[in-house]
Amino acid sequence: MSTMNAFVSTAEELQSARLASALAPAGPKKDAALIHLRAAESAEAAHREADCLKSLSAAMAALD
């Protein structure tokens, strides 16, 4: 088994979170997710992948 399969792409995760938030109904959960999504975008722009993934995880959890 290749270790490349375990690699998590921040760009792919960011795209997935954007899609999930776009499809979510309006409300407090979506608002919370958008706050985390903006933080993830800022972290990605600053090349802080760990912070980006942490914010993406929080965004997805907010939508649950």
PDB file of N, CA and C in Angstrom:
ATOM      1  N   MET A   1       0.842  -1.182   0.000  1.00  0.00           N
ATOM      2  CA  MET A   1       0.000   0.000   0.000  1.00  0.00           C
ATOM      3  C   MET A   1       0.879   1.234   0.000  1.00  0.00           C
ATOM      4  N   SER A   2       0.581   2.148  -0.871  1.00  0.00           N
ATOM      5  CA  SER A   2       1.363   3.368  -1.009  1.00  0.00           C
ATOM      6  C   SER A   2       0.993   4.380   0.059  1.00  0.00           C
ATOM      7  N   THR A   3       1.977   5.128   0.522  1.00  0.00           N
ATOM      8  CA  THR A   3       1.695   6.176   1.491  1.00  0.00           C
ATOM      9  C   THR A   3       1.006   7.373   0.841  1.00  0.00           C
ATOM     10  N   MET A   4       1.051   7.462  -0.468  1.00  0.00           N
ATOM     11  CA  MET A   4       0.404   8.577  -1.161  1.00  0.00           C
ATOM     12  C   MET A   4      -1.114   8.520  -1.016  1.00  0.00           C
ATOM     13  N   ASN A   5      -1.675   7.345  -0.794  1.00  0.00           N
ATOM     14  CA  ASN A   5      -3.112   7.226  -0.616  1.00  0.00           C
ATOM     15  C   ASN A   5      -3.579   7.890   0.672  1.00  0.00           C
ATOM     16  N   ALA A   6      -2.704   8.000   1.654  1.00  0.00           N
ATOM     17  CA  ALA A   6      -3.055   8.592   2.936  1.00  0.00           C
ATOM     18  C   ALA A   6      -2.917  10.110   2.915  1.00  0.00           C
ATOM     19  N   PHE A   7      -2.355  10.665   1.864  1.00  0.00           N
ATOM     20  CA  PHE A   7      -2.142  12.112   1.768  1.00  0.00           C
ATOM     21  C   PHE A   7      -3.473  12.833   1.635  1.00  0.00           C
ATOM     22  N   VAL A   8      -3.662  13.865   2.442  1.00  0.00           N
ATOM     23  CA  VAL A   8      -4.872  14.665   2.386  1.00  0.00           C
ATOM     24  C   VAL A   8      -4.535  15.989   1.714  1.00  0.00           C
ATOM     25  N   SER A   9      -5.180  16.265   0.618  1.00  0.00           N
ATOM     26  CA  SER A   9      -4.955  17.509  -0.101  1.00  0.00           C
ATOM     27  C   SER A   9      -5.830  18.600   0.497  1.00  0.00           C
ATOM     28  N   THR A  10      -5.206  19.670   0.952  1.00  0.00           N
ATOM     29  CA  THR A  10      -5.988  20.772   1.508  1.00  0.00           C
ATOM     30  C   THR A  10      -6.882  21.397   0.446  1.00  0.00           C
ATOM     31  N   ALA A  11      -6.415  21.440  -0.790  1.00  0.00           N
ATOM     32  CA  ALA A  11      -7.233  22.013  -1.863  1.00  0.00           C
ATOM     33  C   ALA A  11      -8.493  21.182  -2.091  1.00  0.00           C
ATOM     34  N   GLU A  12      -8.347  19.858  -2.074  1.00  0.00           N
ATOM     35  CA  GLU A  12      -9.510  18.985  -2.253  1.00  0.00           C
ATOM     36  C   GLU A  12     -10.472  19.106  -1.079  1.00  0.00           C
ATOM     37  N   GLU A  13      -9.935  19.142   0.124  1.00  0.00           N
ATOM     38  CA  GLU A  13     -10.774  19.269   1.313  1.00  0.00           C
ATOM     39  C   GLU A  13     -11.483  20.624   1.335  1.00  0.00           C
ATOM     40  N   LEU A  14     -10.793  21.665   0.917  1.00  0.00           N
ATOM     41  CA  LEU A  14     -11.386  22.996   0.863  1.00  0.00           C
ATOM     42  C   LEU A  14     -12.522  23.027  -0.135  1.00  0.00           C
ATOM     43  N   GLN A  15     -12.321  22.423  -1.286  1.00  0.00           N
ATOM     44  CA  GLN A  15     -13.372  22.377  -2.302  1.00  0.00           C
ATOM     45  C   GLN A  15     -14.586  21.605  -1.789  1.00  0.00           C
ATOM     46  N   SER A  16     -14.341  20.520  -1.111  1.00  0.00           N
ATOM     47  CA  SER A  16     -15.421  19.712  -0.551  1.00  0.00           C
ATOM     48  C   SER A  16     -16.215  20.503   0.489  1.00  0.00           C
ATOM     49  N   ALA A  17     -15.517  21.230   1.346  1.00  0.00           N
ATOM     50  CA  ALA A  17     -16.189  22.030   2.373  1.00  0.00           C
ATOM     51  C   ALA A  17     -16.970  23.184   1.746  1.00  0.00           C
ATOM     52  N   ARG A  18     -16.422  23.778   0.707  1.00  0.00           N
ATOM     53  CA  ARG A  18     -17.148  24.849   0.004  1.00  0.00           C
ATOM     54  C   ARG A  18     -18.457  24.321  -0.576  1.00  0.00           C
ATOM     55  N   LEU A  19     -18.396  23.156  -1.183  1.00  0.00           N
ATOM     56  CA  LEU A  19     -19.583  22.557  -1.779  1.00  0.00           C
ATOM     57  C   LEU A  19     -20.613  22.218  -0.700  1.00  0.00           C
ATOM     58  N   ALA A  20     -20.158  21.634   0.381  1.00  0.00           N
ATOM     59  CA  ALA A  20     -21.072  21.277   1.466  1.00  0.00           C
ATOM     60  C   ALA A  20     -21.749  22.504   2.048  1.00  0.00           C
ATOM     61  N   SER A  21     -20.994  23.584   2.222  1.00  0.00           N
ATOM     62  CA  SER A  21     -21.593  24.796   2.776  1.00  0.00           C
ATOM     63  C   SER A  21     -22.521  25.463   1.774  1.00  0.00           C
ATOM     64  N   ALA A  22     -22.209  25.364   0.500  1.00  0.00           N
ATOM     65  CA  ALA A  22     -23.082  25.950  -0.519  1.00  0.00           C
ATOM     66  C   ALA A  22     -24.417  25.217  -0.589  1.00  0.00           C
ATOM     67  N   LEU A  23     -24.397  23.917  -0.349  1.00  0.00           N
ATOM     68  CA  LEU A  23     -25.613  23.111  -0.418  1.00  0.00           C
ATOM     69  C   LEU A  23     -26.410  23.107   0.882  1.00  0.00           C
ATOM     70  N   ALA A  24     -25.804  23.602   1.956  1.00  0.00           N
ATOM     71  CA  ALA A  24     -26.475  23.602   3.262  1.00  0.00           C
ATOM     72  C   ALA A  24     -27.581  24.654   3.296  1.00  0.00           C
ATOM     73  N   PRO A  25     -28.657  24.354   4.016  1.00  0.00           N
ATOM     74  CA  PRO A  25     -29.721  25.351   4.145  1.00  0.00           C
ATOM     75  C   PRO A  25     -29.255  26.521   5.022  1.00  0.00           C
ATOM     76  N   ALA A  26     -29.823  27.680   4.761  1.00  0.00           N
ATOM     77  CA  ALA A  26     -29.468  28.872   5.536  1.00  0.00           C
ATOM     78  C   ALA A  26     -29.830  28.652   7.004  1.00  0.00           C
ATOM     79  N   GLY A  27     -29.026  29.238   7.860  1.00  0.00           N
ATOM     80  CA  GLY A  27     -29.292  29.117   9.288  1.00  0.00           C
ATOM     81  C   GLY A  27     -28.011  29.236  10.091  1.00  0.00           C
ATOM     82  N   PRO A  28     -28.115  29.047  11.390  1.00  0.00           N
ATOM     83  CA  PRO A  28     -26.936  29.218  12.257  1.00  0.00           C
ATOM     84  C   PRO A  28     -25.825  28.213  12.005  1.00  0.00           C
ATOM     85  N   LYS A  29     -26.177  26.999  11.586  1.00  0.00           N
ATOM     86  CA  LYS A  29     -25.137  26.006  11.295  1.00  0.00           C
ATOM     87  C   LYS A  29     -24.317  26.435  10.083  1.00  0.00           C
ATOM     88  N   LYS A  30     -24.993  26.930   9.056  1.00  0.00           N
ATOM     89  CA  LYS A  30     -24.294  27.383   7.858  1.00  0.00           C
ATOM     90  C   LYS A  30     -23.441  28.606   8.184  1.00  0.00           C
ATOM     91  N   ASP A  31     -23.972  29.520   8.991  1.00  0.00           N
ATOM     92  CA  ASP A  31     -23.208  30.706   9.380  1.00  0.00           C
ATOM     93  C   ASP A  31     -21.925  30.320  10.113  1.00  0.00           C
ATOM     94  N   ALA A  32     -22.036  29.363  11.033  1.00  0.00           N
ATOM     95  CA  ALA A  32     -20.855  28.906  11.774  1.00  0.00           C
ATOM     96  C   ALA A  32     -19.857  28.245  10.828  1.00  0.00           C
ATOM     97  N   ALA A  33     -20.364  27.447   9.904  1.00  0.00           N
ATOM     98  CA  ALA A  33     -19.475  26.771   8.954  1.00  0.00           C
ATOM     99  C   ALA A  33     -18.745  27.776   8.079  1.00  0.00           C
ATOM    100  N   LEU A  34     -19.427  28.826   7.673  1.00  0.00           N
ATOM    101  CA  LEU A  34     -18.786  29.842   6.826  1.00  0.00           C
ATOM    102  C   LEU A  34     -17.669  30.571   7.557  1.00  0.00           C
ATOM    103  N   ILE A  35     -17.831  30.777   8.844  1.00  0.00           N
ATOM    104  CA  ILE A  35     -16.759  31.404   9.640  1.00  0.00           C
ATOM    105  C   ILE A  35     -15.517  30.518   9.614  1.00  0.00           C
ATOM    106  N   HIS A  36     -15.715  29.225   9.819  1.00  0.00           N
ATOM    107  CA  HIS A  36     -14.584  28.285   9.803  1.00  0.00           C
ATOM    108  C   HIS A  36     -14.003  28.153   8.396  1.00  0.00           C
ATOM    109  N   LEU A  37     -14.856  28.219   7.407  1.00  0.00           N
ATOM    110  CA  LEU A  37     -14.395  28.119   6.017  1.00  0.00           C
ATOM    111  C   LEU A  37     -13.511  29.312   5.658  1.00  0.00           C
ATOM    112  N   ARG A  38     -13.892  30.495   6.086  1.00  0.00           N
ATOM    113  CA  ARG A  38     -13.048  31.681   5.838  1.00  0.00           C
ATOM    114  C   ARG A  38     -11.700  31.547   6.535  1.00  0.00           C
ATOM    115  N   ALA A  39     -11.716  31.008   7.753  1.00  0.00           N
ATOM    116  CA  ALA A  39     -10.458  30.796   8.480  1.00  0.00           C
ATOM    117  C   ALA A  39      -9.584  29.785   7.736  1.00  0.00           C
ATOM    118  N   ALA A  40     -10.207  28.762   7.180  1.00  0.00           N
ATOM    119  CA  ALA A  40      -9.457  27.760   6.421  1.00  0.00           C
ATOM    120  C   ALA A  40      -8.847  28.373   5.169  1.00  0.00           C
ATOM    121  N   GLU A  41      -9.605  29.220   4.491  1.00  0.00           N
ATOM    122  CA  GLU A  41      -9.082  29.881   3.290  1.00  0.00           C
ATOM    123  C   GLU A  41      -7.898  30.779   3.627  1.00  0.00           C
ATOM    124  N   SER A  42      -7.982  31.481   4.734  1.00  0.00           N
ATOM    125  CA  SER A  42      -6.866  32.331   5.173  1.00  0.00           C
ATOM    126  C   SER A  42      -5.638  31.488   5.500  1.00  0.00           C
ATOM    127  N   ALA A  43      -5.867  30.378   6.178  1.00  0.00           N
ATOM    128  CA  ALA A  43      -4.752  29.501   6.538  1.00  0.00           C
ATOM    129  C   ALA A  43      -4.111  28.901   5.288  1.00  0.00           C
ATOM    130  N   GLU A  44      -4.930  28.537   4.309  1.00  0.00           N
ATOM    131  CA  GLU A  44      -4.372  27.985   3.074  1.00  0.00           C
ATOM    132  C   GLU A  44      -3.539  29.039   2.346  1.00  0.00           C
ATOM    133  N   ALA A  45      -4.023  30.266   2.315  1.00  0.00           N
ATOM    134  CA  ALA A  45      -3.292  31.342   1.645  1.00  0.00           C
ATOM    135  C   ALA A  45      -1.939  31.602   2.312  1.00  0.00           C
ATOM    136  N   ALA A  46      -1.890  31.370   3.619  1.00  0.00           N
ATOM    137  CA  ALA A  46      -0.649  31.570   4.372  1.00  0.00           C
ATOM    138  C   ALA A  46       0.203  30.297   4.413  1.00  0.00           C
ATOM    139  N   HIS A  47      -0.227  29.247   3.683  1.00  0.00           N
ATOM    140  CA  HIS A  47       0.494  27.970   3.608  1.00  0.00           C
ATOM    141  C   HIS A  47       0.608  27.291   4.966  1.00  0.00           C
ATOM    142  N   ARG A  48      -0.437  27.425   5.784  1.00  0.00           N
ATOM    143  CA  ARG A  48      -0.510  26.734   7.076  1.00  0.00           C
ATOM    144  C   ARG A  48      -1.505  25.590   6.931  1.00  0.00           C
ATOM    145  N   GLU A  49      -1.037  24.484   6.363  1.00  0.00           N
ATOM    146  CA  GLU A  49      -1.909  23.373   6.014  1.00  0.00           C
ATOM    147  C   GLU A  49      -2.600  22.761   7.223  1.00  0.00           C
ATOM    148  N   ALA A  50      -1.877  22.613   8.330  1.00  0.00           N
ATOM    149  CA  ALA A  50      -2.477  22.014   9.523  1.00  0.00           C
ATOM    150  C   ALA A  50      -3.630  22.871  10.040  1.00  0.00           C
ATOM    151  N   ASP A  51      -3.427  24.181  10.062  1.00  0.00           N
ATOM    152  CA  ASP A  51      -4.496  25.078  10.506  1.00  0.00           C
ATOM    153  C   ASP A  51      -5.673  25.052   9.535  1.00  0.00           C
ATOM    154  N   CYS A  52      -5.372  24.937   8.256  1.00  0.00           N
ATOM    155  CA  CYS A  52      -6.412  24.866   7.238  1.00  0.00           C
ATOM    156  C   CYS A  52      -7.272  23.623   7.458  1.00  0.00           C
ATOM    157  N   LEU A  53      -6.641  22.486   7.627  1.00  0.00           N
ATOM    158  CA  LEU A  53      -7.373  21.239   7.827  1.00  0.00           C
ATOM    159  C   LEU A  53      -8.173  21.258   9.124  1.00  0.00           C
ATOM    160  N   LYS A  54      -7.623  21.882  10.159  1.00  0.00           N
ATOM    161  CA  LYS A  54      -8.335  21.997  11.438  1.00  0.00           C
ATOM    162  C   LYS A  54      -9.595  22.842  11.264  1.00  0.00           C
ATOM    163  N   SER A  55      -9.488  23.947  10.549  1.00  0.00           N
ATOM    164  CA  SER A  55     -10.643  24.808  10.309  1.00  0.00           C
ATOM    165  C   SER A  55     -11.664  24.120   9.413  1.00  0.00           C
ATOM    166  N   LEU A  56     -11.194  23.356   8.442  1.00  0.00           N
ATOM    167  CA  LEU A  56     -12.110  22.616   7.570  1.00  0.00           C
ATOM    168  C   LEU A  56     -12.875  21.556   8.357  1.00  0.00           C
ATOM    169  N   SER A  57     -12.193  20.921   9.271  1.00  0.00           N
ATOM    170  CA  SER A  57     -12.837  19.932  10.112  1.00  0.00           C
ATOM    171  C   SER A  57     -13.924  20.580  10.970  1.00  0.00           C
ATOM    172  N   ALA A  58     -13.620  21.754  11.506  1.00  0.00           N
ATOM    173  CA  ALA A  58     -14.602  22.487  12.302  1.00  0.00           C
ATOM    174  C   ALA A  58     -15.783  22.938  11.451  1.00  0.00           C
ATOM    175  N   ALA A  59     -15.516  23.331  10.214  1.00  0.00           N
ATOM    176  CA  ALA A  59     -16.591  23.760   9.310  1.00  0.00           C
ATOM    177  C   ALA A  59     -17.526  22.595   9.021  1.00  0.00           C
ATOM    178  N   MET A  60     -16.968  21.440   8.734  1.00  0.00           N
ATOM    179  CA  MET A  60     -17.805  20.274   8.444  1.00  0.00           C
ATOM    180  C   MET A  60     -18.576  19.826   9.682  1.00  0.00           C
ATOM    181  N   ALA A  61     -17.960  19.929  10.849  1.00  0.00           N
ATOM    182  CA  ALA A  61     -18.649  19.563  12.082  1.00  0.00           C
ATOM    183  C   ALA A  61     -19.800  20.530  12.359  1.00  0.00           C
ATOM    184  N   ALA A  62     -19.629  21.780  12.008  1.00  0.00           N
ATOM    185  CA  ALA A  62     -20.691  22.768  12.231  1.00  0.00           C
ATOM    186  C   ALA A  62     -21.910  22.476  11.378  1.00  0.00           C
ATOM    187  N   LEU A  63     -21.703  21.843  10.245  1.00  0.00           N
ATOM    188  CA  LEU A  63     -22.816  21.522   9.341  1.00  0.00           C
ATOM    189  C   LEU A  63     -23.581  20.274   9.781  1.00  0.00           C
ATOM    190  N   ASP A  64     -22.987  19.461  10.642  1.00  0.00           N
ATOM    191  CA  ASP A  64     -23.659  18.228  11.099  1.00  0.00           C
ATOM    192  C   ASP A  64     -24.756  18.518  12.080  1.00  0.00           C
TER     193      ASP A  64
END
